[in-house]
Protein backbone atom coordinates (compact mmCIF):
# COMPACT_ATOMS: atom_id res chain seq x y z
CA MET A 1 0.00 0.00 0.00
CA GLN A 2 1.68 3.18 -1.22
CA PHE A 3 0.40 5.69 1.36
CA ARG A 4 0.19 3.48 4.40
CA PRO A 5 2.76 5.30 6.62
CA PHE A 6 0.98 8.66 6.39
CA VAL A 7 -2.55 7.33 6.75
CA CYS A 8 -1.66 4.98 9.61
CA LEU A 9 -0.08 7.79 11.60
CA LEU A 10 -3.06 10.05 11.06
CA ALA A 11 -5.61 7.39 11.88
CA LEU A 12 -3.83 6.04 14.92
CA GLY A 13 -3.32 9.55 16.24
CA LEU A 14 -7.01 10.30 15.80
CA GLY A 15 -7.89 7.10 17.59
CA ILE A 16 -5.76 7.98 20.59
CA SER A 17 -6.97 11.55 20.90
CA VAL A 18 -10.71 11.05 20.67
CA PHE A 19 -10.65 8.68 23.61
CA ALA A 20 -10.09 11.71 25.80
CA GLN A 21 -13.81 12.59 25.61
CA GLN A 22 -14.94 9.90 28.12
CA THR A 23 -12.96 7.63 30.47
CA PRO A 24 -14.93 5.27 32.74
CA SER A 25 -12.99 2.93 35.00
CA PRO A 26 -11.71 -0.26 33.31
CA GLY A 27 -14.38 -2.95 33.13
CA GLU A 28 -17.29 -0.58 33.92
CA SER A 29 -19.84 1.11 31.66
CA PRO A 30 -21.25 4.16 33.46
CA ALA A 31 -23.34 6.70 31.61
CA PRO A 32 -21.65 9.82 30.23
CA GLY A 33 -20.89 12.29 33.03
CA THR A 34 -21.26 9.70 35.82
CA GLN A 35 -18.01 7.73 35.55
CA SER A 36 -15.71 7.40 38.52
CA ALA A 37 -12.15 8.66 38.48
CA PRO A 38 -9.67 5.77 38.15
CA GLU A 39 -6.18 6.28 39.43
CA SER A 40 -3.67 5.71 36.69
CA ARG A 41 0.09 5.50 36.76
CA THR A 42 2.11 5.02 33.64
CA GLU A 43 5.73 5.04 32.51
CA ASN A 44 6.70 7.79 30.13
CA SER A 45 9.46 7.67 27.52
CA LYS A 46 12.09 8.33 30.20
CA ASN A 47 10.80 5.50 32.39
CA SER A 48 9.69 7.85 35.17
CA ILE A 49 6.27 7.43 36.76
CA ALA A 50 3.54 9.95 35.96
CA PRO A 51 1.33 11.09 38.86
CA ALA A 52 -2.15 9.63 39.29
CA LEU A 53 -4.72 11.20 36.97
CA ASP A 54 -7.73 12.98 38.37
CA LEU A 55 -10.53 12.20 35.90
CA THR A 56 -13.43 13.35 38.06
CA PRO A 57 -16.00 15.08 35.79
CA GLY A 58 -16.80 18.74 36.43
CA PRO A 59 -20.25 20.10 37.42
CA ASP A 60 -21.30 19.89 33.76
CA GLY A 61 -20.46 16.18 33.67
CA LYS A 62 -17.54 16.72 31.31
CA LEU A 63 -13.76 16.57 31.54
CA SER A 64 -11.76 19.78 31.42
CA GLN A 65 -9.25 20.46 28.67
CA GLU A 66 -6.41 19.91 31.16
CA GLN A 67 -7.83 16.51 32.15
CA MET A 68 -8.20 15.46 28.52
CA GLN A 69 -4.66 16.52 27.71
CA ALA A 70 -3.28 14.53 30.68
CA LEU A 71 -5.27 11.48 29.63
CA LEU A 72 -4.07 11.84 26.05
CA ARG A 73 -0.47 11.60 27.19
CA VAL A 74 -1.22 8.37 29.05
CA VAL A 75 -2.97 6.74 26.08
CA ALA A 76 -0.29 8.00 23.68
CA ASP A 77 2.29 6.26 25.87
CA LYS A 78 0.34 3.03 25.39
CA ASP A 79 0.66 3.42 21.63
CA THR A 80 4.39 4.05 21.97
CA GLU A 81 4.73 0.87 24.01
CA ASN A 82 2.76 -1.10 21.40
CA HIS A 83 5.16 0.08 18.73
CA LYS A 84 8.15 -1.03 20.78
CA LEU A 85 6.68 -4.44 21.58
CA GLU A 86 5.71 -5.05 17.96
CA ARG A 87 9.41 -5.29 17.14
CA GLU A 88 9.56 -8.41 19.30
CA TYR A 89 7.15 -10.24 16.98
CA THR A 90 7.29 -11.88 13.59
CA TYR A 91 4.05 -12.15 11.62
CA ILE A 92 2.43 -12.56 8.20
CA ASP A 93 0.96 -9.66 6.20
CA ARG A 94 -1.31 -10.58 3.26
CA GLU A 95 -2.06 -7.62 0.99
CA VAL A 96 -4.88 -7.62 -1.57
CA GLN A 97 -5.03 -4.58 -3.85
CA HIS A 98 -7.60 -3.80 -6.56
CA LYS A 99 -6.84 -1.22 -9.24
CA LEU A 100 -10.04 0.59 -10.20
CA ASP A 101 -11.24 2.39 -13.32
CA GLY A 102 -12.93 5.79 -13.34
CA LYS A 103 -16.26 4.21 -12.46
CA GLY A 104 -14.87 2.30 -9.50
CA ASN A 105 -14.87 -1.09 -11.22
CA THR A 106 -11.95 -3.47 -10.65
CA LYS A 107 -9.43 -3.52 -13.52
CA SER A 108 -6.91 -5.87 -11.92
CA THR A 109 -6.12 -7.55 -8.61
CA GLU A 110 -2.73 -8.17 -7.02
CA ILE A 111 -2.13 -10.30 -3.93
CA LYS A 112 1.19 -10.31 -2.09
CA THR A 113 2.06 -12.07 1.15
CA TYR A 114 4.97 -10.95 3.30
CA GLU A 115 6.76 -12.41 6.29
CA ILE A 116 7.71 -9.64 8.72
CA LEU A 117 11.08 -10.32 10.35
CA GLU A 118 13.18 -8.52 12.92
CA ILE A 119 16.85 -8.20 11.96
CA TYR A 120 19.17 -6.45 14.40
CA GLY A 121 16.37 -4.22 15.65
CA GLU A 122 14.90 -3.45 12.21
CA GLN A 123 11.60 -4.78 10.88
CA VAL A 124 12.03 -6.24 7.39
CA ARG A 125 9.39 -7.42 4.92
CA ARG A 126 10.21 -10.60 3.01
CA LEU A 127 7.91 -11.45 0.09
CA ILE A 128 6.93 -15.12 0.31
CA ALA A 129 3.95 -15.49 -2.07
CA LYS A 130 2.18 -13.85 -5.03
CA ASP A 131 -1.50 -14.43 -5.74
CA ASP A 132 -1.46 -16.93 -2.86
CA LYS A 133 1.19 -19.07 -4.59
CA PRO A 134 4.73 -19.53 -3.20
CA LEU A 135 7.49 -17.68 -5.06
CA ASP A 136 9.38 -19.59 -7.73
CA SER A 137 13.01 -20.41 -7.01
CA LYS A 138 14.33 -17.34 -8.85
CA ASP A 139 12.17 -14.82 -6.99
CA ALA A 140 12.72 -16.60 -3.67
CA ALA A 141 16.48 -16.35 -4.21
CA LYS A 142 16.16 -12.60 -4.79
CA GLN A 143 14.32 -12.21 -1.50
CA ASP A 144 16.97 -14.25 0.30
CA GLU A 145 19.67 -12.05 -1.21
CA LYS A 146 17.87 -8.90 -0.08
CA ILE A 147 17.60 -10.20 3.49
CA GLN A 148 21.22 -11.30 3.52
CA LYS A 149 22.36 -7.82 2.47
CA ILE A 150 20.49 -6.33 5.41
CA ILE A 151 22.04 -8.86 7.79
CA ASP A 152 25.54 -8.16 6.46
CA LYS A 153 25.03 -4.40 6.67
CA ARG A 154 23.93 -4.55 10.29
CA LYS A 155 26.64 -7.02 11.30
CA ASN A 156 29.26 -4.66 9.91
CA GLU A 157 27.69 -1.47 11.26
CA SER A 158 30.15 0.72 13.12
CA ASP A 159 29.40 2.20 16.53
CA GLU A 160 29.08 5.65 14.96
CA GLU A 161 26.65 4.42 12.28
CA ARG A 162 24.57 2.62 14.88
CA LYS A 163 24.45 5.73 17.07
CA LYS A 164 23.30 7.92 14.16
CA ARG A 165 20.62 5.40 13.22
CA GLU A 166 19.33 5.17 16.78
CA GLN A 167 19.29 8.96 17.13
CA LYS A 168 17.29 9.25 13.92
CA GLU A 169 14.79 6.63 15.12
CA GLU A 170 14.40 8.38 18.47
CA LYS A 171 13.76 11.71 16.73
CA GLU A 172 11.06 10.09 14.60
CA ARG A 173 9.41 8.62 17.70
CA GLU A 174 9.50 12.00 19.43
CA ASP A 175 7.96 13.69 16.38
CA ASP A 176 5.22 11.07 16.40
CA ARG A 177 4.49 11.77 20.07
CA LYS A 178 4.27 15.52 19.42
CA PHE A 179 1.91 14.91 16.52
CA VAL A 180 -0.38 12.69 18.58
CA HIS A 181 -0.52 15.26 21.39
CA GLU A 182 -1.44 18.02 18.96
CA ILE A 183 -4.40 16.05 17.60
CA ALA A 184 -6.34 16.62 20.83
CA ASP A 185 -6.68 20.30 19.90
CA ALA A 186 -7.66 19.59 16.29
CA TYR A 187 -11.03 17.88 16.81
CA ASN A 188 -14.37 18.15 18.56
CA PHE A 189 -15.41 14.78 20.00
CA THR A 190 -18.74 13.08 20.57
CA LEU A 191 -19.36 9.87 22.48
CA VAL A 192 -21.76 7.89 20.26
CA GLY A 193 -22.27 4.89 22.53
CA THR A 194 -20.88 1.46 23.39
CA GLU A 195 -20.35 -1.53 21.09
CA GLN A 196 -18.49 -4.82 21.23
CA VAL A 197 -15.36 -5.44 19.19
CA ASP A 198 -14.23 -9.08 19.21
CA GLY A 199 -16.45 -9.70 22.23
CA ARG A 200 -14.97 -6.82 24.25
CA ASP A 201 -16.78 -3.63 25.26
CA ALA A 202 -15.59 -0.49 23.50
CA TRP A 203 -16.59 3.17 23.47
CA VAL A 204 -17.61 4.51 20.06
CA ILE A 205 -16.40 8.09 19.58
CA ASP A 206 -16.64 10.47 16.60
CA GLY A 207 -14.10 13.17 15.83
CA GLU A 208 -14.86 16.21 13.63
CA PRO A 209 -12.33 18.92 12.69
CA ARG A 210 -12.42 21.86 15.08
CA PRO A 211 -12.95 25.24 13.37
CA GLY A 212 -10.07 27.65 13.90
CA PHE A 213 -7.48 24.99 14.75
CA GLU A 214 -3.94 26.30 14.14
CA PRO A 215 -1.35 23.53 13.65
CA HIS A 216 2.16 23.77 15.13
CA MET A 217 3.63 20.94 13.06
CA LYS A 218 3.62 20.71 9.27
CA GLU A 219 2.03 17.24 9.45
CA SER A 220 -0.84 18.62 11.52
CA LYS A 221 -2.11 20.83 8.70
CA PHE A 222 -3.73 17.71 7.20
CA LEU A 223 -5.92 17.07 10.23
CA SER A 224 -8.70 19.46 9.19
CA LYS A 225 -9.12 17.37 6.03
CA PHE A 226 -10.15 14.21 7.88
CA ARG A 227 -12.87 13.01 10.21
CA GLY A 228 -13.21 9.67 11.90
CA ARG A 229 -14.86 7.24 14.26
CA VAL A 230 -12.92 5.11 16.74
CA TRP A 231 -13.69 2.22 19.06
CA ILE A 232 -11.68 2.29 22.30
CA ASP A 233 -11.40 -0.89 24.39
CA LYS A 234 -12.74 -0.07 27.86
CA SER A 235 -10.62 -2.50 29.85
CA ASP A 236 -7.22 -1.84 28.25
CA LEU A 237 -7.79 1.76 27.07
CA GLN A 238 -6.44 0.74 23.68
CA LEU A 239 -7.53 1.49 20.13
CA ALA A 240 -9.61 -1.49 18.97
CA LYS A 241 -10.98 -0.17 15.68
CA MET A 242 -11.10 2.98 13.56
CA ASP A 243 -12.69 4.44 10.44
CA VAL A 244 -11.10 7.59 8.96
CA GLU A 245 -12.29 9.47 5.86
CA ALA A 246 -10.93 12.41 3.87
CA ILE A 247 -13.56 15.16 3.69
CA ASP A 248 -11.50 17.43 1.43
CA THR A 249 -8.58 17.19 -1.00
CA VAL A 250 -5.18 16.74 0.68
CA VAL A 251 -2.01 17.91 -1.09
CA VAL A 252 1.04 15.86 -0.06
CA GLY A 253 4.73 16.34 -0.81
CA LEU A 254 6.81 18.26 -3.31
CA VAL A 255 5.36 16.33 -6.27
CA LEU A 256 1.90 17.64 -5.35
CA ALA A 257 0.20 14.31 -4.87
CA ARG A 258 -3.49 14.98 -4.25
CA VAL A 259 -5.43 12.63 -1.99
CA HIS A 260 -9.03 13.21 -2.98
CA LYS A 261 -12.18 13.54 -0.91
CA GLY A 262 -13.65 10.13 -0.09
CA THR A 263 -10.31 8.41 0.49
CA ARG A 264 -10.95 6.05 3.39
CA PHE A 265 -8.98 3.96 5.86
CA GLN A 266 -10.27 1.38 8.34
CA LEU A 267 -8.25 -0.56 10.89
CA GLN A 268 -9.07 -3.24 13.46
CA GLN A 269 -6.59 -4.31 16.12
CA THR A 270 -6.40 -7.33 18.38
CA ARG A 271 -4.91 -8.14 21.76
CA VAL A 272 -1.86 -10.37 21.39
CA ASN A 273 -0.17 -12.40 24.12
CA GLU A 274 -2.03 -10.46 26.82
CA GLU A 275 0.56 -7.68 26.48
CA VAL A 276 0.16 -5.71 23.25
CA TRP A 277 -2.44 -4.53 20.71
CA LEU A 278 -1.45 -5.13 17.07
CA PRO A 279 -3.17 -4.79 13.66
CA GLU A 280 -5.53 -7.58 12.60
CA ARG A 281 -7.20 -6.15 9.50
CA MET A 282 -6.86 -2.97 7.48
CA THR A 283 -8.97 -1.83 4.53
CA TYR A 284 -8.60 1.27 2.39
CA LYS A 285 -9.99 3.09 -0.63
CA ILE A 286 -7.63 5.65 -2.12
CA ASP A 287 -8.03 8.12 -4.96
CA VAL A 288 -4.76 9.95 -5.65
CA ARG A 289 -3.39 12.09 -8.47
CA VAL A 290 0.38 12.62 -8.62
CA ALA A 291 1.87 15.81 -10.10
CA LEU A 292 -1.64 16.66 -11.34
CA VAL A 293 -1.16 14.16 -14.19
CA LYS A 294 -1.15 10.46 -13.26
CA GLY A 295 -4.06 9.14 -11.24
CA PHE A 296 -4.18 6.15 -8.91
CA ASN A 297 -7.54 4.77 -7.87
CA PHE A 298 -7.46 1.58 -5.83
CA ASP A 299 -8.80 -0.21 -2.80
CA GLY A 300 -7.57 -3.14 -0.83
CA GLU A 301 -7.27 -5.10 2.36
CA ASP A 302 -4.34 -6.15 4.53
CA SER A 303 -4.76 -9.04 6.97
CA PHE A 304 -2.22 -9.77 9.69
CA ARG A 305 -1.81 -13.17 11.33
CA ASP A 306 0.53 -15.63 13.04
CA TYR A 307 2.06 -13.20 15.51
CA LYS A 308 4.96 -15.02 17.16
CA LYS A 309 7.18 -13.55 19.83
CA PHE A 310 10.87 -14.32 19.84
CA ARG A 311 13.35 -13.81 22.65
CA THR A 312 15.55 -10.75 22.61
CA SER A 313 18.58 -13.05 22.67
CA SER A 314 17.61 -14.55 19.31
CA LYS A 315 19.66 -13.75 16.25
CA ILE A 316 19.42 -14.79 12.62
CA VAL A 317 22.26 -17.20 11.96
CA ARG A 318 21.28 -18.22 8.45
CA MET A 319 18.45 -17.48 6.05
CA GLY A 320 15.05 -18.18 7.56
CA GLU A 321 16.38 -19.46 10.90
CA LEU A 322 16.08 -17.90 14.34
CA LYS A 323 18.31 -19.48 16.95
CA ASP A 324 18.03 -18.92 20.67
CA GLN A 325 21.43 -18.19 22.09
CA ASN A 326 20.42 -19.11 25.66
């Protein structure tokens, strides 16, 4: 999926921020304005402990802006932790993409299946099947060669190169955190009700762009172009499901790619290993024109399965093998 990084960041950020509208205690379902105030302690990015949150509603039955901002930081930290823990898992990603004509009819379909590996701290996608058929020996060899190059590069990485890479990754994570925190100011939120997602209770919350919002980050200028609905798991305070739609044209990048109104992204997550929430299914419908000339109109679905955790002491010792060093 060509635009997945941008859309995922936007959608996940929206999902985190809209939860700040209502926060009943885990496992309970009080009516809006009557929830109790759970005490919450969480580790931030520097591993210090944040003070307990006071989520007692005001006389109007609502949370103040300060309370919502504090809650947003807690839930954003949960997303950061999910991202870290995901690197401890291998899994399968099956991508189905339909190219559409001007009337929305399917012109062609492409199916690719990837194995997601962790190599020296980096997630790597290895193509293992096309159209649900295993790769032939030639294509499989190319994938093996690609993986081996990554292994060799990391094995031979100098201390200085590793430090620069880690600093770059940390800066990207910090930028993501700032973006997520800014989203809370970009939308007006409405609690729609309660539904079940995979047999678990979740709040259903809508987010609409807030008039007059002034972004502080260049990425945030896109927020007014989207609206969404999210489902937040009540027990874990995690994003269970989301549905985000472009309500206006979005211009992206120096080549002036235009993401048109109606572009849509849906994501459902699942609880894995009783410790982390990871993607289970993602669908999208995208209408894009690049450099005002070439158009791309497609929809598709990604399904994620077979999450398997490996020990941090594991290293790849030859193609396709993970060996525990303990």
